[in-house]
């Protein structure tokens, strides 16, 4: 099992991403509002206000999605996410990562 974390910079694609999860029988995820470091530095900390021009593409907020998934779904889900968002290696599209889980209770994992 893996903990999948998707930092979704393009909030307008949230529903499509969650639909892709469902199509792959990933029925559980937690979605939280999040703010990137660039946004905080450029807009909330006065000493870094001069960097606003450098960080002009910084979005006001984003979503972070957490889900426990089977390892065999990672590749397919990554392809679906990139089909929706574009190549994740391109700046601004998002970040997807997984971490190993050595224990979980209370979460059904579909294989």
C-alpha atoms as a PDB file:
ATOM      1  CA  UNK A   1       0.000   0.000   0.000  1.00  0.00           C
ATOM      2  CA  UNK A   2       1.025   3.557  -0.646  1.00  0.00           C
ATOM      3  CA  UNK A   3       0.002   6.961   0.580  1.00  0.00           C
ATOM      4  CA  UNK A   4      -0.579   9.037  -2.528  1.00  0.00           C
ATOM      5  CA  UNK A   5      -0.281  12.798  -2.171  1.00  0.00           C
ATOM      6  CA  UNK A   6      -1.278  15.092  -5.027  1.00  0.00           C
ATOM      7  CA  UNK A   7      -0.593  18.802  -4.749  1.00  0.00           C
ATOM      8  CA  UNK A   8      -3.125  20.120  -7.238  1.00  0.00           C
ATOM      9  CA  UNK A   9      -2.203  23.616  -8.392  1.00  0.00           C
ATOM     10  CA  UNK A  10      -5.109  23.872 -10.813  1.00  0.00           C
ATOM     11  CA  UNK A  11      -8.140  23.714  -8.523  1.00  0.00           C
ATOM     12  CA  UNK A  12     -10.505  23.901 -11.475  1.00  0.00           C
ATOM     13  CA  UNK A  13      -9.590  20.279 -12.289  1.00  0.00           C
ATOM     14  CA  UNK A  14     -10.460  18.867  -8.862  1.00  0.00           C
ATOM     15  CA  UNK A  15     -13.707  17.203  -9.955  1.00  0.00           C
ATOM     16  CA  UNK A  16     -12.061  15.574 -12.982  1.00  0.00           C
ATOM     17  CA  UNK A  17      -9.238  14.267 -10.803  1.00  0.00           C
ATOM     18  CA  UNK A  18     -11.664  12.792  -8.270  1.00  0.00           C
ATOM     19  CA  UNK A  19     -13.665  11.202 -11.104  1.00  0.00           C
ATOM     20  CA  UNK A  20     -10.438   9.572 -12.329  1.00  0.00           C
ATOM     21  CA  UNK A  21      -9.928   8.177  -8.820  1.00  0.00           C
ATOM     22  CA  UNK A  22     -13.416   6.659  -8.906  1.00  0.00           C
ATOM     23  CA  UNK A  23     -12.892   5.174 -12.366  1.00  0.00           C
ATOM     24  CA  UNK A  24      -9.877   3.339 -10.953  1.00  0.00           C
ATOM     25  CA  UNK A  25     -11.919   2.143  -7.960  1.00  0.00           C
ATOM     26  CA  UNK A  26     -10.097   4.471  -5.587  1.00  0.00           C
ATOM     27  CA  UNK A  27     -13.074   5.374  -3.457  1.00  0.00           C
ATOM     28  CA  UNK A  28     -11.480   7.195  -0.557  1.00  0.00           C
ATOM     29  CA  UNK A  29      -9.512  10.411  -0.506  1.00  0.00           C
ATOM     30  CA  UNK A  30      -9.118  13.438   1.703  1.00  0.00           C
ATOM     31  CA  UNK A  31      -8.975  16.850   0.051  1.00  0.00           C
ATOM     32  CA  UNK A  32      -7.674  19.861   1.934  1.00  0.00           C
ATOM     33  CA  UNK A  33      -7.155  23.487   0.989  1.00  0.00           C
ATOM     34  CA  UNK A  34      -3.493  24.416   0.891  1.00  0.00           C
ATOM     35  CA  UNK A  35      -1.277  27.360   0.077  1.00  0.00           C
ATOM     36  CA  UNK A  36       2.132  27.185  -1.551  1.00  0.00           C
ATOM     37  CA  UNK A  37       5.243  28.797  -0.157  1.00  0.00           C
ATOM     38  CA  UNK A  38       5.472  31.234  -3.077  1.00  0.00           C
ATOM     39  CA  UNK A  39       2.041  32.664  -2.305  1.00  0.00           C
ATOM     40  CA  UNK A  40       2.898  33.234   1.335  1.00  0.00           C
ATOM     41  CA  UNK A  41       6.260  34.815   0.567  1.00  0.00           C
ATOM     42  CA  UNK A  42       4.945  37.044  -2.202  1.00  0.00           C
ATOM     43  CA  UNK A  43       1.743  38.211  -0.564  1.00  0.00           C
ATOM     44  CA  UNK A  44       1.821  37.747   3.184  1.00  0.00           C
ATOM     45  CA  UNK A  45       5.367  38.544   4.288  1.00  0.00           C
ATOM     46  CA  UNK A  46       6.266  42.186   3.621  1.00  0.00           C
ATOM     47  CA  UNK A  47      10.030  41.623   3.395  1.00  0.00           C
ATOM     48  CA  UNK A  48       9.484  39.406   0.322  1.00  0.00           C
ATOM     49  CA  UNK A  49       6.957  41.678  -1.396  1.00  0.00           C
ATOM     50  CA  UNK A  50       9.608  42.642  -3.955  1.00  0.00           C
ATOM     51  CA  UNK A  51       9.567  39.070  -5.235  1.00  0.00           C
ATOM     52  CA  UNK A  52       5.942  39.349  -6.402  1.00  0.00           C
ATOM     53  CA  UNK A  53       7.064  39.845  -9.992  1.00  0.00           C
ATOM     54  CA  UNK A  54       9.139  36.675  -9.866  1.00  0.00           C
ATOM     55  CA  UNK A  55       6.221  34.719  -8.448  1.00  0.00           C
ATOM     56  CA  UNK A  56       3.461  36.234 -10.557  1.00  0.00           C
ATOM     57  CA  UNK A  57       2.201  32.834 -11.690  1.00  0.00           C
ATOM     58  CA  UNK A  58       1.634  31.805  -8.089  1.00  0.00           C
ATOM     59  CA  UNK A  59      -1.972  30.779  -7.594  1.00  0.00           C
ATOM     60  CA  UNK A  60      -3.960  32.005  -4.606  1.00  0.00           C
ATOM     61  CA  UNK A  61      -4.494  28.478  -3.339  1.00  0.00           C
ATOM     62  CA  UNK A  62      -4.475  24.866  -4.263  1.00  0.00           C
ATOM     63  CA  UNK A  63      -5.792  21.524  -3.107  1.00  0.00           C
ATOM     64  CA  UNK A  64      -3.890  18.658  -1.569  1.00  0.00           C
ATOM     65  CA  UNK A  65      -5.355  15.192  -2.046  1.00  0.00           C
ATOM     66  CA  UNK A  66      -4.382  12.247   0.173  1.00  0.00           C
ATOM     67  CA  UNK A  67      -5.375   8.673  -0.584  1.00  0.00           C
ATOM     68  CA  UNK A  68      -4.293   5.189   0.429  1.00  0.00           C
ATOM     69  CA  UNK A  69      -3.946   3.173  -2.764  1.00  0.00           C
ATOM     70  CA  UNK A  70      -2.614  -0.141  -3.987  1.00  0.00           C
ATOM     71  CA  UNK A  71       0.810   0.042  -5.547  1.00  0.00           C
ATOM     72  CA  UNK A  72      -0.486  -1.481  -8.780  1.00  0.00           C
ATOM     73  CA  UNK A  73      -2.716   1.585  -9.406  1.00  0.00           C
ATOM     74  CA  UNK A  74       0.025   4.211  -9.225  1.00  0.00           C
ATOM     75  CA  UNK A  75       1.112   4.094 -12.866  1.00  0.00           C
ATOM     76  CA  UNK A  76      -2.432   4.160 -14.264  1.00  0.00           C
ATOM     77  CA  UNK A  77      -3.513   6.946 -11.930  1.00  0.00           C
ATOM     78  CA  UNK A  78      -0.426   8.997 -12.792  1.00  0.00           C
ATOM     79  CA  UNK A  79      -1.252   8.680 -16.509  1.00  0.00           C
ATOM     80  CA  UNK A  80      -4.845   9.789 -15.859  1.00  0.00           C
ATOM     81  CA  UNK A  81      -3.730  12.752 -13.757  1.00  0.00           C
ATOM     82  CA  UNK A  82      -1.284  13.846 -16.464  1.00  0.00           C
ATOM     83  CA  UNK A  83      -3.969  13.403 -19.111  1.00  0.00           C
ATOM     84  CA  UNK A  84      -6.076  15.921 -17.164  1.00  0.00           C
ATOM     85  CA  UNK A  85      -3.385  18.349 -15.937  1.00  0.00           C
ATOM     86  CA  UNK A  86      -0.580  17.956 -18.450  1.00  0.00           C
ATOM     87  CA  UNK A  87       2.908  16.680 -17.752  1.00  0.00           C
ATOM     88  CA  UNK A  88       3.634  16.945 -14.044  1.00  0.00           C
ATOM     89  CA  UNK A  89       7.269  17.683 -14.873  1.00  0.00           C
ATOM     90  CA  UNK A  90       6.106  21.025 -16.334  1.00  0.00           C
ATOM     91  CA  UNK A  91       6.019  23.855 -13.781  1.00  0.00           C
ATOM     92  CA  UNK A  92       2.664  24.740 -12.281  1.00  0.00           C
ATOM     93  CA  UNK A  93       0.773  21.542 -13.090  1.00  0.00           C
ATOM     94  CA  UNK A  94       1.123  19.920  -9.696  1.00  0.00           C
ATOM     95  CA  UNK A  95       3.149  17.375  -7.803  1.00  0.00           C
ATOM     96  CA  UNK A  96       2.279  13.718  -7.246  1.00  0.00           C
ATOM     97  CA  UNK A  97       4.189  11.513  -4.858  1.00  0.00           C
ATOM     98  CA  UNK A  98       3.736   8.300  -2.952  1.00  0.00           C
ATOM     99  CA  UNK A  99       5.078   7.093   0.351  1.00  0.00           C
ATOM    100  CA  UNK A 100       5.160   3.540   1.660  1.00  0.00           C
ATOM    101  CA  UNK A 101       2.641   2.614   4.332  1.00  0.00           C
ATOM    102  CA  UNK A 102       3.681  -0.079   6.752  1.00  0.00           C
ATOM    103  CA  UNK A 103       0.496   0.000   8.818  1.00  0.00           C
ATOM    104  CA  UNK A 104      -3.060   1.181   8.306  1.00  0.00           C
ATOM    105  CA  UNK A 105      -6.317   0.382  10.020  1.00  0.00           C
ATOM    106  CA  UNK A 106      -9.760   1.626   9.137  1.00  0.00           C
ATOM    107  CA  UNK A 107      -9.128   2.119   5.435  1.00  0.00           C
ATOM    108  CA  UNK A 108     -10.296  -0.481   2.911  1.00  0.00           C
ATOM    109  CA  UNK A 109      -7.759  -0.774   0.108  1.00  0.00           C
ATOM    110  CA  UNK A 110      -8.984  -2.176  -3.210  1.00  0.00           C
ATOM    111  CA  UNK A 111      -6.383  -4.199  -5.005  1.00  0.00           C
END
